[in-house]
Amino acid sequence: MGVSFLSTLPSLLPLAHDSPPTTTTTTIRHHPRLVTICGYNKIKASYHVIDEGHFSLKRRDILKSLGMTIGLELIGSSGSLVGTANAADLIQRRQRSEFQSKIKGTLFTAIKGNPDLVPSLLTLALNDAVTYDKATKSGGPNGSIRFSSEISRPENRRLSGALSLIEEAKKEIDSYSKAGPISYADLIHYAAQSAVKSTFIAAAIRKCGGNEEKGNLLYTAYGSNGQWGLFDKQFGREDAQEPDPEGRVPLWEKASVQEMKDKFSAVGLGPRQLAVLSAFLGPDQAATEAKLASDKDVAPWVDKYQRSRETVSQTDYEVDLITTFTKLSTLGQQINYEAYTYAPPKIDITKLKL
């Protein structure tokens, strides 16, 4: 028989304080708090549970009780955890998640020490991806840009510094990987993700007058960090074994807006996506956007994202950029969702001390 939330919650609430229940009547009160960060107001919810026995619980206590209830519900309804989730799958997800966290830490440190490479890291990911050809199902974000014959092409001539950062980061990441080396394809696009995040945080710091601590708090309160879930799932790109064909990537600085639109259209993106990826098209985003604004199809989107970047949250700009970059980073790729997983060490239960 299943366990219902309503039937379980009253009995679980007292467990948070290890005290016996003193009443059957429970009241939840909401107390909003106004938090100010760099002149911007953020309403933060605070909840207390009060009963006739005069004890109170914080919101996290309620969430803990809810988690316990959900767990009981699953057990009661399925009779076995196997019916809800495969244990091996859960282990693999945890392995991939832990590896991703370490990768992001390595990249964050590398980029923080080389902030001047942020524009190049973005263009490196873009140029690696837009070699995709729908007709032949070839190219795309496959790490082929690492080959000397491809990185030396005119459209990539300013990107060697970014590739060097990737190669140094790869050495460190491979040294602690438990499941073999990370692919260049994954690493190039995770580096671009870290670079994108660094621009979001930098904008928040500027809004706080250059105060790094307050800027990070502002981004935590208003930023779009929670929007990266789908991107993080696309982890397991396979490296190409040879350079992609020449002539598929424009020289962005010299290309006309129409040529840019045509290239984006060829890979399934439009004027909106071209505008939101303006930071990927060259080292000077303002100059790129001035150029894009000369086109009637792109101009409204340029204006929209410029206005969005002036707001505290930058919501429209950040969410659309994350969505577009996620699509760009998977063009034509078959993701191996078991990549970077490994068999956990075996435990000899006969040697365990009870």
Protein backbone atom coordinates (compact mmCIF):
# COMPACT_ATOMS: atom_id res chain seq x y z
CA MET A 1 0.00 0.00 0.00
CA GLY A 2 1.35 3.44 -0.91
CA VAL A 3 2.30 6.11 1.60
CA SER A 4 0.63 9.46 1.02
CA PHE A 5 2.26 12.82 1.60
CA LEU A 6 -0.58 14.07 3.76
CA SER A 7 -0.59 11.05 5.98
CA THR A 8 3.18 11.08 6.51
CA LEU A 9 3.99 14.78 6.89
CA PRO A 10 2.53 15.35 10.40
CA SER A 11 4.48 12.42 11.84
CA LEU A 12 7.72 13.34 10.08
CA LEU A 13 7.83 17.01 11.03
CA PRO A 14 8.82 16.43 14.68
CA LEU A 15 11.69 14.18 13.58
CA ALA A 16 13.63 17.22 12.46
CA HIS A 17 14.03 18.23 16.11
CA ASP A 18 14.04 14.71 17.59
CA SER A 19 11.12 15.67 19.77
CA PRO A 20 7.73 14.00 20.17
CA PRO A 21 4.68 15.50 18.52
CA THR A 22 2.75 17.78 20.80
CA THR A 23 -0.23 18.59 18.62
CA THR A 24 -2.06 17.54 15.51
CA THR A 25 -2.51 21.11 14.28
CA THR A 26 0.28 22.57 12.14
CA THR A 27 0.45 26.05 10.58
CA ILE A 28 2.90 27.14 7.89
CA ARG A 29 3.64 30.87 7.81
CA HIS A 30 5.43 32.67 5.01
CA HIS A 31 7.74 35.56 5.91
CA PRO A 32 9.26 37.22 2.84
CA ARG A 33 12.57 39.02 3.41
CA LEU A 34 13.93 41.80 1.23
CA VAL A 35 17.62 41.29 0.48
CA THR A 36 19.58 44.06 -1.24
CA ILE A 37 22.65 43.23 -3.36
CA CYS A 38 24.46 46.08 -5.10
CA GLY A 39 21.32 48.21 -4.98
CA TYR A 40 19.11 45.47 -6.42
CA ASN A 41 16.33 44.06 -4.27
CA LYS A 42 15.72 40.34 -4.03
CA ILE A 43 12.81 38.88 -2.10
CA LYS A 44 13.92 35.80 -0.22
CA ALA A 45 11.29 33.46 1.14
CA SER A 46 11.45 32.20 4.70
CA TYR A 47 9.05 29.64 6.09
CA HIS A 48 8.30 28.61 9.66
CA VAL A 49 6.01 25.88 10.90
CA ILE A 50 4.31 26.71 14.17
CA ASP A 51 1.99 24.59 16.26
CA GLU A 52 0.39 24.78 19.68
CA GLY A 53 3.48 23.17 21.23
CA HIS A 54 5.46 26.33 20.31
CA PHE A 55 8.27 24.73 18.32
CA SER A 56 9.30 25.97 14.89
CA LEU A 57 10.93 24.43 11.83
CA LYS A 58 12.93 26.07 9.08
CA ARG A 59 12.16 25.52 5.42
CA ARG A 60 14.97 22.99 5.02
CA ASP A 61 13.32 20.86 7.72
CA ILE A 62 10.15 20.72 5.66
CA LEU A 63 12.14 19.83 2.56
CA LYS A 64 13.90 17.04 4.42
CA SER A 65 10.53 15.70 5.52
CA LEU A 66 9.24 15.96 1.97
CA GLY A 67 12.27 14.04 0.70
CA MET A 68 11.67 11.29 3.25
CA THR A 69 8.03 11.15 2.23
CA ILE A 70 8.85 10.85 -1.46
CA GLY A 71 11.29 8.06 -0.69
CA LEU A 72 8.67 6.18 1.28
CA GLU A 73 6.17 6.76 -1.50
CA LEU A 74 8.54 5.19 -4.03
CA ILE A 75 9.24 2.19 -1.85
CA GLY A 76 5.61 1.70 -0.98
CA SER A 77 4.38 1.94 -4.55
CA SER A 78 7.05 -0.14 -6.27
CA GLY A 79 8.06 -2.66 -3.65
CA SER A 80 11.58 -2.46 -5.06
CA LEU A 81 13.97 0.34 -5.96
CA VAL A 82 14.71 -1.49 -9.20
CA GLY A 83 11.29 -0.47 -10.47
CA THR A 84 12.10 3.19 -9.99
CA ALA A 85 15.70 3.49 -11.12
CA ASN A 86 18.44 1.16 -12.20
CA ALA A 87 21.21 1.20 -9.60
CA ALA A 88 23.90 1.01 -12.27
CA ASP A 89 22.43 4.04 -14.04
CA LEU A 90 22.49 6.02 -10.82
CA ILE A 91 26.13 5.13 -10.24
CA GLN A 92 27.04 6.18 -13.78
CA ARG A 93 25.19 9.48 -13.44
CA ARG A 94 27.06 10.20 -10.25
CA GLN A 95 30.41 9.33 -11.85
CA ARG A 96 29.74 11.63 -14.81
CA SER A 97 28.49 14.42 -12.55
CA GLU A 98 31.53 14.25 -10.28
CA PHE A 99 33.87 14.23 -13.30
CA GLN A 100 32.05 17.22 -14.80
CA SER A 101 32.41 19.16 -11.54
CA LYS A 102 36.17 18.57 -11.49
CA ILE A 103 36.46 19.54 -15.17
CA LYS A 104 34.61 22.79 -14.54
CA GLY A 105 36.88 23.56 -11.61
CA THR A 106 39.98 23.03 -13.74
CA LEU A 107 38.58 25.19 -16.55
CA PHE A 108 37.42 27.93 -14.17
CA THR A 109 40.93 28.23 -12.76
CA ALA A 110 42.54 28.20 -16.20
CA ILE A 111 40.19 30.86 -17.60
CA LYS A 112 40.43 33.06 -14.52
CA GLY A 113 44.18 33.15 -15.07
CA ASN A 114 43.76 33.95 -18.79
CA PRO A 115 40.68 36.19 -19.12
CA ASP A 116 41.97 37.64 -22.38
CA LEU A 117 41.39 34.24 -24.01
CA VAL A 118 37.62 34.23 -23.36
CA PRO A 119 36.64 35.58 -26.83
CA SER A 120 38.98 33.09 -28.52
CA LEU A 121 37.55 30.16 -26.54
CA LEU A 122 34.06 31.12 -27.71
CA THR A 123 35.13 31.38 -31.36
CA LEU A 124 37.07 28.12 -31.09
CA ALA A 125 33.86 26.30 -30.08
CA LEU A 126 31.83 28.06 -32.78
CA ASN A 127 34.32 27.26 -35.55
CA ASP A 128 34.61 23.66 -34.40
CA ALA A 129 30.81 23.30 -34.57
CA VAL A 130 29.79 25.11 -37.75
CA THR A 131 31.79 22.75 -39.97
CA TYR A 132 28.63 20.62 -39.71
CA ASP A 133 27.11 19.77 -43.08
CA LYS A 134 23.50 18.53 -42.97
CA ALA A 135 23.63 16.99 -46.44
CA THR A 136 26.57 14.69 -45.73
CA LYS A 137 26.05 14.46 -41.93
CA SER A 138 29.72 15.30 -41.50
CA GLY A 139 31.67 17.80 -39.43
CA GLY A 140 30.27 19.53 -36.38
CA PRO A 141 31.53 19.86 -32.79
CA ASN A 142 33.90 16.92 -33.04
CA GLY A 143 37.20 18.42 -31.90
CA SER A 144 38.72 18.37 -35.40
CA ILE A 145 39.89 21.95 -34.93
CA ARG A 146 42.74 20.55 -32.82
CA PHE A 147 44.55 19.30 -35.93
CA SER A 148 47.36 21.59 -37.07
CA SER A 149 46.05 21.73 -40.62
CA GLU A 150 42.69 23.01 -39.39
CA ILE A 151 43.75 25.39 -36.60
CA SER A 152 46.14 27.07 -39.05
CA ARG A 153 43.35 28.01 -41.50
CA PRO A 154 42.68 31.78 -41.94
CA GLU A 155 39.42 31.68 -39.94
CA ASN A 156 41.25 30.07 -37.01
CA ARG A 157 44.52 31.98 -37.07
CA ARG A 158 43.83 33.85 -33.80
CA LEU A 159 42.73 30.79 -31.88
CA SER A 160 46.02 29.02 -31.17
CA GLY A 161 46.22 30.53 -27.67
CA ALA A 162 42.78 29.15 -26.82
CA LEU A 163 43.75 25.72 -28.13
CA SER A 164 46.92 25.81 -26.02
CA LEU A 165 44.79 26.45 -22.92
CA ILE A 166 42.61 23.47 -23.91
CA GLU A 167 45.64 21.23 -24.30
CA GLU A 168 47.10 22.22 -20.92
CA ALA A 169 43.75 21.70 -19.21
CA LYS A 170 43.43 18.31 -20.91
CA LYS A 171 46.69 17.13 -19.40
CA GLU A 172 45.45 17.93 -15.91
CA ILE A 173 41.97 16.49 -16.50
CA ASP A 174 43.31 13.27 -18.00
CA SER A 175 45.57 12.86 -14.97
CA TYR A 176 42.60 12.53 -12.61
CA SER A 177 40.09 10.91 -14.97
CA LYS A 178 39.08 7.44 -13.81
CA ALA A 179 37.66 6.45 -17.19
CA GLY A 180 40.20 7.42 -19.80
CA PRO A 181 41.03 10.74 -21.46
CA ILE A 182 38.40 13.38 -22.08
CA SER A 183 37.65 14.02 -25.75
CA TYR A 184 38.73 17.30 -27.31
CA ALA A 185 35.16 17.64 -28.58
CA ASP A 186 33.77 17.69 -25.05
CA LEU A 187 36.57 19.78 -23.61
CA ILE A 188 36.38 22.52 -26.25
CA HIS A 189 32.69 23.03 -25.59
CA TYR A 190 32.95 22.78 -21.83
CA ALA A 191 35.70 25.41 -21.98
CA ALA A 192 33.33 27.62 -23.98
CA GLN A 193 30.64 27.02 -21.35
CA SER A 194 33.04 28.17 -18.64
CA ALA A 195 33.97 31.18 -20.78
CA VAL A 196 30.29 32.08 -21.23
CA LYS A 197 29.72 31.85 -17.48
CA SER A 198 32.73 34.07 -16.89
CA THR A 199 31.15 36.79 -19.06
CA PHE A 200 27.90 36.53 -17.09
CA ILE A 201 29.75 36.84 -13.78
CA ALA A 202 31.91 39.68 -15.10
CA ALA A 203 28.74 41.59 -16.02
CA ALA A 204 27.39 41.10 -12.49
CA ILE A 205 30.68 42.30 -10.99
CA ARG A 206 30.53 45.45 -13.15
CA LYS A 207 27.00 46.10 -11.90
CA CYS A 208 28.46 45.95 -8.38
CA GLY A 209 31.09 48.56 -9.14
CA GLY A 210 33.85 46.00 -9.53
CA ASN A 211 33.25 44.27 -6.19
CA GLU A 212 33.96 40.61 -6.99
CA GLU A 213 32.33 39.16 -3.89
CA LYS A 214 29.11 41.14 -4.33
CA GLY A 215 29.11 40.44 -8.07
CA ASN A 216 29.22 36.71 -7.45
CA LEU A 217 26.37 37.06 -4.95
CA LEU A 218 24.38 39.04 -7.51
CA TYR A 219 24.89 36.36 -10.17
CA THR A 220 23.96 33.63 -7.69
CA ALA A 221 20.74 35.48 -6.83
CA TYR A 222 19.70 36.54 -10.34
CA GLY A 223 21.80 34.57 -12.83
CA SER A 224 20.88 31.69 -15.09
CA ASN A 225 23.20 29.01 -13.73
CA GLY A 226 20.27 26.60 -13.39
CA GLN A 227 19.60 26.74 -17.15
CA TRP A 228 22.63 24.62 -18.08
CA GLY A 229 21.03 21.24 -17.29
CA LEU A 230 20.44 20.13 -20.89
CA PHE A 231 23.94 21.20 -21.95
CA ASP A 232 25.50 19.20 -19.12
CA LYS A 233 23.63 16.07 -20.20
CA GLN A 234 25.26 16.24 -23.66
CA PHE A 235 28.52 14.84 -22.34
CA GLY A 236 30.13 12.16 -24.47
CA ARG A 237 31.06 13.65 -27.86
CA GLU A 238 33.43 11.58 -29.96
CA ASP A 239 36.59 13.06 -31.44
CA ALA A 240 37.07 13.20 -35.20
CA GLN A 241 40.13 11.37 -36.48
CA GLU A 242 40.90 13.84 -39.26
CA PRO A 243 40.36 17.53 -40.04
CA ASP A 244 36.97 18.64 -41.32
CA PRO A 245 36.81 19.84 -44.95
CA GLU A 246 37.97 23.37 -45.72
CA GLY A 247 35.65 26.16 -46.83
CA ARG A 248 32.89 25.54 -44.30
CA VAL A 249 33.68 28.35 -41.84
CA PRO A 250 33.55 32.05 -42.77
CA LEU A 251 36.21 34.52 -41.72
CA TRP A 252 33.75 36.24 -39.37
CA GLU A 253 35.53 39.61 -39.22
CA LYS A 254 35.35 40.00 -43.01
CA ALA A 255 32.06 38.21 -43.73
CA SER A 256 28.98 40.24 -44.59
CA VAL A 257 25.93 39.87 -42.37
CA GLN A 258 24.21 38.01 -45.21
CA GLU A 259 27.09 35.53 -45.36
CA MET A 260 26.80 35.03 -41.62
CA LYS A 261 23.04 34.49 -41.92
CA ASP A 262 23.56 31.98 -44.71
CA LYS A 263 26.09 30.03 -42.67
CA PHE A 264 23.84 29.95 -39.61
CA SER A 265 20.88 28.92 -41.75
CA ALA A 266 22.91 26.04 -43.20
CA VAL A 267 23.32 24.54 -39.72
CA GLY A 268 19.72 25.17 -38.65
CA LEU A 269 20.09 28.53 -36.87
CA GLY A 270 18.50 31.89 -37.70
CA PRO A 271 18.87 35.66 -37.18
CA ARG A 272 17.89 35.38 -33.52
CA GLN A 273 20.65 32.86 -32.83
CA LEU A 274 23.15 34.93 -34.83
CA ALA A 275 22.42 37.94 -32.64
CA VAL A 276 22.65 36.10 -29.33
CA LEU A 277 26.01 34.53 -30.33
CA SER A 278 27.55 37.91 -31.17
CA ALA A 279 30.28 37.36 -28.55
CA PHE A 280 31.38 34.22 -30.43
CA LEU A 281 31.98 36.07 -33.71
CA GLY A 282 35.06 38.09 -32.79
CA PRO A 283 37.01 39.75 -29.99
CA ASP A 284 34.90 42.95 -30.02
CA GLN A 285 31.26 42.16 -29.26
CA ALA A 286 30.17 45.80 -29.54
CA ALA A 287 31.67 46.14 -33.03
CA THR A 288 30.11 42.83 -34.11
CA GLU A 289 26.68 43.91 -32.88
CA ALA A 290 26.97 47.26 -34.64
CA LYS A 291 27.58 45.33 -37.85
CA LEU A 292 24.72 42.90 -37.23
CA ALA A 293 22.34 45.78 -36.45
CA SER A 294 22.65 46.94 -40.05
CA ASP A 295 20.53 43.96 -41.13
CA LYS A 296 16.77 44.30 -40.76
CA ASP A 297 16.31 40.65 -39.76
CA VAL A 298 18.99 40.66 -37.08
CA ALA A 299 18.65 44.22 -35.75
CA PRO A 300 15.55 43.62 -33.56
CA TRP A 301 17.29 40.74 -31.81
CA VAL A 302 20.47 42.73 -31.29
CA ASP A 303 18.40 45.46 -29.65
CA LYS A 304 16.53 42.94 -27.52
CA TYR A 305 19.71 41.38 -26.13
CA GLN A 306 21.45 44.70 -25.59
CA ARG A 307 18.48 45.87 -23.50
CA SER A 308 18.45 42.55 -21.66
CA ARG A 309 22.11 42.92 -20.71
CA GLU A 310 21.29 46.24 -19.07
CA THR A 311 18.94 44.53 -16.62
CA VAL A 312 20.08 42.96 -13.38
CA SER A 313 19.21 39.39 -14.40
CA GLN A 314 19.98 39.53 -18.17
CA THR A 315 17.36 36.76 -18.38
CA ASP A 316 16.43 36.96 -22.07
CA TYR A 317 20.05 37.19 -23.17
CA GLU A 318 21.45 34.50 -20.88
CA VAL A 319 18.67 31.95 -21.39
CA ASP A 320 18.64 32.35 -25.18
CA LEU A 321 22.43 32.18 -25.34
CA ILE A 322 22.52 28.98 -23.27
CA THR A 323 19.77 27.40 -25.38
CA THR A 324 21.47 28.33 -28.65
CA PHE A 325 24.92 27.25 -27.52
CA THR A 326 23.54 23.91 -26.34
CA LYS A 327 22.13 23.27 -29.81
CA LEU A 328 25.32 24.45 -31.50
CA SER A 329 27.48 22.17 -29.35
CA THR A 330 25.64 19.02 -30.42
CA LEU A 331 25.15 19.56 -34.17
CA GLY A 332 25.14 16.14 -35.83
CA GLN A 333 26.69 14.41 -32.83
CA GLN A 334 25.75 11.07 -31.32
CA ILE A 335 26.26 11.49 -27.60
CA ASN A 336 27.59 8.53 -25.66
CA TYR A 337 25.76 8.84 -22.35
CA GLU A 338 27.94 6.16 -20.79
CA ALA A 339 31.17 8.02 -21.54
CA TYR A 340 33.50 8.61 -18.58
CA THR A 341 31.90 5.89 -16.48
CA TYR A 342 33.81 3.00 -14.95
CA ALA A 343 33.29 -0.11 -12.90
CA PRO A 344 33.37 0.74 -9.19
CA PRO A 345 35.97 -1.11 -7.11
CA LYS A 346 34.83 -4.50 -5.88
CA ILE A 347 34.38 -4.93 -2.16
CA ASP A 348 35.24 -8.24 -0.49
CA ILE A 349 32.44 -8.51 2.03
CA THR A 350 34.27 -11.31 3.82
CA LYS A 351 36.85 -8.77 4.97
CA LEU A 352 34.35 -6.25 6.29
CA LYS A 353 34.31 -5.77 10.05
CA LEU A 354 30.83 -5.60 11.46
